[in-house]
Amino acid sequence: MPQIHLDDETVARLDTLRQEHEEYDEIVTELINIYEAEELTLFHSGDEG
């Protein structure tokens, strides 16, 4: 698994999103899923018309 370095500010922001003992990879996966869902929604909203 690749390792990434996050600055202290990013880690602090992730810590505010953590629920109980949630792992960072769970948070990042959820954020990616949200990003992809929004991107898909924006892409498909342009198809209406």
Protein backbone atom coordinates (compact mmCIF):
# COMPACT_ATOMS: atom_id res chain seq x y z
CA MET A 1 0.00 0.00 0.00
CA PRO A 2 1.41 3.43 -0.87
CA GLN A 3 2.17 5.82 1.93
CA ILE A 4 1.43 9.51 1.79
CA HIS A 5 2.56 12.41 3.92
CA LEU A 6 -0.04 14.84 5.23
CA ASP A 7 0.75 18.15 6.83
CA ASP A 8 -0.42 18.84 10.37
CA GLU A 9 -3.31 21.04 9.25
CA THR A 10 -4.71 18.29 7.02
CA VAL A 11 -4.42 15.72 9.80
CA ALA A 12 -6.21 18.10 12.18
CA ARG A 13 -9.02 18.53 9.65
CA LEU A 14 -9.30 14.76 9.23
CA ASP A 15 -9.39 14.37 13.01
CA THR A 16 -12.45 16.63 13.17
CA LEU A 17 -14.20 14.29 10.71
CA ARG A 18 -13.31 11.07 12.55
CA GLN A 19 -16.12 9.29 14.30
CA GLU A 20 -15.01 7.37 17.40
CA HIS A 21 -12.12 5.12 16.34
CA GLU A 22 -12.57 5.47 12.59
CA GLU A 23 -9.39 4.88 10.61
CA TYR A 24 -7.98 7.51 8.28
CA ASP A 25 -8.36 5.19 5.28
CA GLU A 26 -12.09 4.95 6.01
CA ILE A 27 -12.40 8.74 6.04
CA VAL A 28 -10.39 9.13 2.84
CA THR A 29 -12.47 6.43 1.11
CA GLU A 30 -15.67 8.17 2.15
CA LEU A 31 -14.38 11.54 0.91
CA ILE A 32 -13.40 10.00 -2.44
CA ASN A 33 -16.85 8.43 -2.75
CA ILE A 34 -18.49 11.81 -2.06
CA TYR A 35 -16.22 13.51 -4.59
CA GLU A 36 -16.98 10.91 -7.25
CA ALA A 37 -20.73 11.09 -6.58
CA GLU A 38 -20.71 14.89 -6.89
CA GLU A 39 -18.61 14.70 -10.06
CA LEU A 40 -21.04 12.17 -11.53
CA THR A 41 -24.01 14.35 -10.56
CA LEU A 42 -22.42 17.41 -12.15
CA PHE A 43 -21.57 15.45 -15.29
CA HIS A 44 -25.10 14.09 -15.68
CA SER A 45 -26.78 17.40 -14.86
CA GLY A 46 -25.25 18.78 -18.04
CA ASP A 47 -27.06 16.07 -20.05
CA GLU A 48 -30.48 17.47 -19.20
CA GLY A 49 -32.01 19.91 -21.57
